[in-house]
Amino acid sequence: MILVAIGSNLESKQFGTPYENCLEAIKLIRTKFVVEQVSEFYKTEPIPKSTQPWFVNAVIEIVTKTEPKKILKELLSLEKYFKRQRKNKNEPRIIDLDLLSYNDLILQTNSLILPHPRMHLRKFVIKPICDLDPLWKHPLLNKTAKVLLKKLANQRIFNINQLQL
């Protein structure tokens, strides 16, 4: 599976709420790749904890023969389209697009690490992956998403369908 994380915690003049930013990002990703599956959307605390707004997060599965570095380039281009600016680590953002996993590929370059090095530590990533395939296995840890999720019980996330937007 090729997995992409989508997140937002700032409103944009172009598209609106963080949820609408995520929906628009998926729409634009569909113009570049086949989107096979979309997880539920979740409202999640910022990590590390801070006073910034909570995030809206989801994970999508894409299907493509495009190599990982080119996928990353497309995702960064979409972030630029949303006018995302990268100044400080863990800052609020209009959109955040991360290539999480590219099938079972293990890769480490200056610009891209696969699988994403912190994905297994974040419930806002693992819970949506469980929506797509609870038996998906982390290529390095050789543990399923379902097993990884159990270790993240203390992180708070809420299914957006159960909340008022």
Protein backbone atom coordinates (compact mmCIF):
# COMPACT_ATOMS: atom_id res chain seq x y z
CA MET A 1 0.00 0.00 0.00
CA ILE A 2 1.11 3.53 -0.75
CA LEU A 3 -0.14 5.68 2.11
CA VAL A 4 -0.38 9.47 2.35
CA ALA A 5 -1.30 11.38 5.52
CA ILE A 6 -3.37 14.53 5.21
CA GLY A 7 -3.75 17.10 7.97
CA SER A 8 -4.77 20.71 8.58
CA ASN A 9 -5.36 22.93 11.59
CA LEU A 10 -5.68 26.37 10.01
CA GLU A 11 -8.43 27.88 7.94
CA SER A 12 -7.53 29.02 4.45
CA LYS A 13 -8.96 31.87 2.42
CA GLN A 14 -9.06 29.55 -0.60
CA PHE A 15 -10.98 26.58 0.79
CA GLY A 16 -12.22 27.31 4.33
CA THR A 17 -12.01 25.10 7.40
CA PRO A 18 -9.27 22.55 8.09
CA TYR A 19 -11.74 19.81 7.10
CA GLU A 20 -12.46 21.57 3.79
CA ASN A 21 -8.71 21.98 3.22
CA CYS A 22 -8.28 18.21 3.59
CA LEU A 23 -11.16 17.48 1.22
CA GLU A 24 -9.71 19.85 -1.37
CA ALA A 25 -6.27 18.25 -1.00
CA ILE A 26 -7.76 14.82 -1.71
CA LYS A 27 -9.58 16.24 -4.73
CA LEU A 28 -6.28 17.63 -6.06
CA ILE A 29 -4.37 14.42 -5.29
CA ARG A 30 -6.97 12.60 -7.42
CA THR A 31 -5.79 14.67 -10.40
CA LYS A 32 -2.29 13.18 -10.00
CA PHE A 33 -2.88 9.67 -8.65
CA VAL A 34 -5.58 7.04 -8.29
CA VAL A 35 -7.02 7.35 -4.78
CA GLU A 36 -8.01 3.83 -3.84
CA GLN A 37 -9.29 4.46 -0.30
CA VAL A 38 -9.91 7.36 2.10
CA SER A 39 -10.01 6.80 5.86
CA GLU A 40 -12.41 8.43 8.27
CA PHE A 41 -11.49 11.99 9.29
CA TYR A 42 -10.32 12.65 12.84
CA LYS A 43 -9.93 15.69 15.05
CA THR A 44 -6.64 15.35 16.90
CA GLU A 45 -4.49 17.12 19.44
CA PRO A 46 -1.31 18.74 18.16
CA ILE A 47 1.87 16.80 18.93
CA PRO A 48 3.73 17.95 20.91
CA LYS A 49 0.85 19.35 22.94
CA SER A 50 0.44 23.09 22.51
CA THR A 51 -2.13 25.86 22.42
CA GLN A 52 -2.45 25.74 18.63
CA PRO A 53 -5.77 24.53 17.15
CA TRP A 54 -6.51 20.82 16.92
CA PHE A 55 -5.92 19.10 13.58
CA VAL A 56 -8.18 17.36 11.14
CA ASN A 57 -6.38 14.22 9.90
CA ALA A 58 -6.97 11.37 7.48
CA VAL A 59 -4.93 8.84 5.50
CA ILE A 60 -5.45 7.87 1.90
CA GLU A 61 -4.20 4.95 -0.14
CA ILE A 62 -3.01 5.83 -3.62
CA VAL A 63 -2.17 3.56 -6.52
CA THR A 64 0.63 4.61 -8.85
CA LYS A 65 3.78 3.41 -10.52
CA THR A 66 5.37 6.81 -9.81
CA GLU A 67 8.55 6.52 -7.77
CA PRO A 68 8.47 7.78 -4.14
CA LYS A 69 10.61 10.90 -4.68
CA LYS A 70 8.30 12.06 -7.47
CA ILE A 71 5.25 11.45 -5.26
CA LEU A 72 6.90 13.56 -2.56
CA LYS A 73 7.59 16.30 -5.10
CA GLU A 74 3.90 16.32 -6.12
CA LEU A 75 2.77 16.46 -2.48
CA LEU A 76 5.11 19.38 -1.73
CA SER A 77 3.84 21.14 -4.84
CA LEU A 78 0.27 20.76 -3.57
CA GLU A 79 1.29 22.16 -0.17
CA LYS A 80 2.77 25.15 -2.00
CA TYR A 81 -0.51 25.57 -3.91
CA PHE A 82 -2.25 25.83 -0.52
CA LYS A 83 0.33 28.49 0.41
CA ARG A 84 1.82 26.40 3.20
CA GLN A 85 4.93 27.98 4.63
CA ARG A 86 7.53 25.95 6.48
CA LYS A 87 9.20 28.13 9.09
CA ASN A 88 9.24 26.14 12.34
CA LYS A 89 8.85 22.49 13.22
CA ASN A 90 5.40 21.46 14.51
CA GLU A 91 3.80 24.77 13.62
CA PRO A 92 0.14 25.22 12.65
CA ARG A 93 -0.49 24.54 8.96
CA ILE A 94 -3.09 25.01 6.28
CA ILE A 95 -2.21 21.59 4.85
CA ASP A 96 0.28 18.85 5.64
CA LEU A 97 0.83 16.00 3.18
CA ASP A 98 3.21 13.20 4.17
CA LEU A 99 4.19 10.13 2.22
CA LEU A 100 3.96 7.51 4.96
CA SER A 101 4.70 4.26 3.22
CA TYR A 102 5.41 3.03 -0.29
CA ASN A 103 4.47 -0.63 -0.33
CA ASP A 104 7.17 -2.39 1.72
CA LEU A 105 9.99 -0.11 0.60
CA ILE A 106 12.58 0.89 3.18
CA LEU A 107 14.37 4.04 2.07
CA GLN A 108 16.54 6.67 3.72
CA THR A 109 17.74 9.71 1.78
CA ASN A 110 18.26 13.35 2.71
CA SER A 111 14.81 14.26 1.40
CA LEU A 112 12.74 11.15 2.14
CA ILE A 113 12.59 8.41 4.78
CA LEU A 114 10.25 5.46 4.25
CA PRO A 115 8.37 4.32 6.12
CA HIS A 116 7.78 7.69 7.79
CA PRO A 117 10.02 7.60 10.89
CA ARG A 118 7.36 8.70 13.43
CA MET A 119 4.18 7.26 11.93
CA HIS A 120 3.98 4.38 14.43
CA LEU A 121 4.06 6.89 17.32
CA ARG A 122 1.02 8.86 16.16
CA LYS A 123 -2.52 7.71 16.71
CA PHE A 124 -3.72 10.27 14.14
CA VAL A 125 -1.82 8.23 11.55
CA ILE A 126 -2.30 4.66 12.78
CA LYS A 127 -6.05 4.91 13.49
CA PRO A 128 -6.82 6.05 9.91
CA ILE A 129 -4.55 3.28 8.58
CA CYS A 130 -6.63 0.82 10.61
CA ASP A 131 -9.70 2.18 8.82
CA LEU A 132 -8.06 1.26 5.50
CA ASP A 133 -6.50 -2.06 6.52
CA PRO A 134 -6.02 -3.07 10.18
CA LEU A 135 -3.70 -5.87 9.03
CA TRP A 136 -1.32 -3.50 7.17
CA LYS A 137 2.19 -4.26 8.42
CA HIS A 138 4.81 -1.64 9.23
CA PRO A 139 7.78 -2.58 7.00
CA LEU A 140 10.42 -2.09 9.72
CA LEU A 141 8.56 -3.06 12.88
CA ASN A 142 6.71 -5.98 11.26
CA LYS A 143 3.63 -5.18 13.39
CA THR A 144 0.11 -4.63 12.12
CA ALA A 145 -1.64 -1.29 12.34
CA LYS A 146 -4.08 -2.90 14.78
CA VAL A 147 -1.24 -3.89 17.16
CA LEU A 148 0.44 -0.47 16.84
CA LEU A 149 -2.85 1.27 17.63
CA LYS A 150 -3.18 -0.50 20.99
CA LYS A 151 0.07 1.14 22.14
CA LEU A 152 -1.31 4.63 21.43
CA ALA A 153 -4.40 4.49 23.65
CA ASN A 154 -3.38 7.60 25.63
CA GLN A 155 -3.49 9.91 22.57
CA ARG A 156 -6.85 11.63 22.11
CA ILE A 157 -8.54 11.64 18.71
CA PHE A 158 -12.19 11.92 17.77
CA ASN A 159 -13.99 10.72 14.67
CA ILE A 160 -15.15 13.89 12.95
CA ASN A 161 -18.48 12.28 11.97
CA GLN A 162 -19.28 12.11 15.68
CA LEU A 163 -18.57 15.82 16.25
CA GLN A 164 -20.22 19.00 15.10
CA LEU A 165 -17.94 20.80 12.65
